[in-house]
């Protein structure tokens, strides 16, 4: 991978440590991130923060949760064998503060091993429904994300509500969003993508806005910031695992296009659209005329979308702001 961020030109192997949840059936967490990353040429080492039968949107779920001591133990095993050198760390949904604090310790140690390591963090805390934001993780995770996690992250992918929580500032306009992204840059990350917002899209109400900002410090110390807006068609269904898929593909495409957030986001969002359109079409066919698809029918059509993930036809364009 010609000398782009993370992996040197002499070393074709690019290795990701992904610490996320695992489900036996379906696609969320590591199940949503691993396949796309592997298809795009990355070696993926997974730590499963939970092992559940399926995601928690189903009527029932069963399984086990990994605690911070067990996470540490797994990491120690890698360290003892001297196989703890990574180019990327990827994390998503976590419910436990001590687990999150342990992730930060591991990231800091891995950055000492490899100063070029890129940490991609999806700070999953909550979302907005009908304009009202609410957290679906314990409230004591917010200060850990804000004070410990975000400062060591290089790429973060909050939704609008999470960006507001992290900065303590509400977003009403695109200008607000750009200022919030600047506040997030100031906390540490070079790349910030607000993956969804309730801002009015120029293309109309059937579109969802995502905003991205990449701040780079040049050799002479000057800073340049690239900002983009992406408008993608809304899909009328509740999918689970889309954020995990988005963060994984953004990791891959920013790696392949290190100084072009526009292209990286176009490829990421276009691939998402291909996957979601295929999923909703298939779910509706399974549910039958006039029936609402259920959780099992709405599982992402990941394997069927292999070609779109590998080489997405660009159907969503980004605007440089």
Foldseek 3Di string as FASTA:
>chain_A
DDCFFQDHPVDQAAEEEEEEAAELDFAAGCNLQVVLLVLQPYHYHYDHQWYKNDDPQDPDIDTGGQDLVNVVVVQVVCVVVPNLAHSEYEYEDDQDLSNLVSVLVSLVVNCVVPVRRAYEYELQFWDDDPRDIDGPHDPVVLVCCQPGVLQSHAEYEYAQVNLCSNQVHHDDEVVSVVVSVVVSVVSHYQKYKNPFDPHADPVGDQWTKIKMKGWDQDPVGDIDIWIKIWIDGDDPDDAHRLVVNLSSQLVSLCRVVVVCSQVSNQLSVQLSVVQQVVLVVQQDVVQDPPGDGDHSSNRTPPVVSSVCSNPNDRPIGMDTD
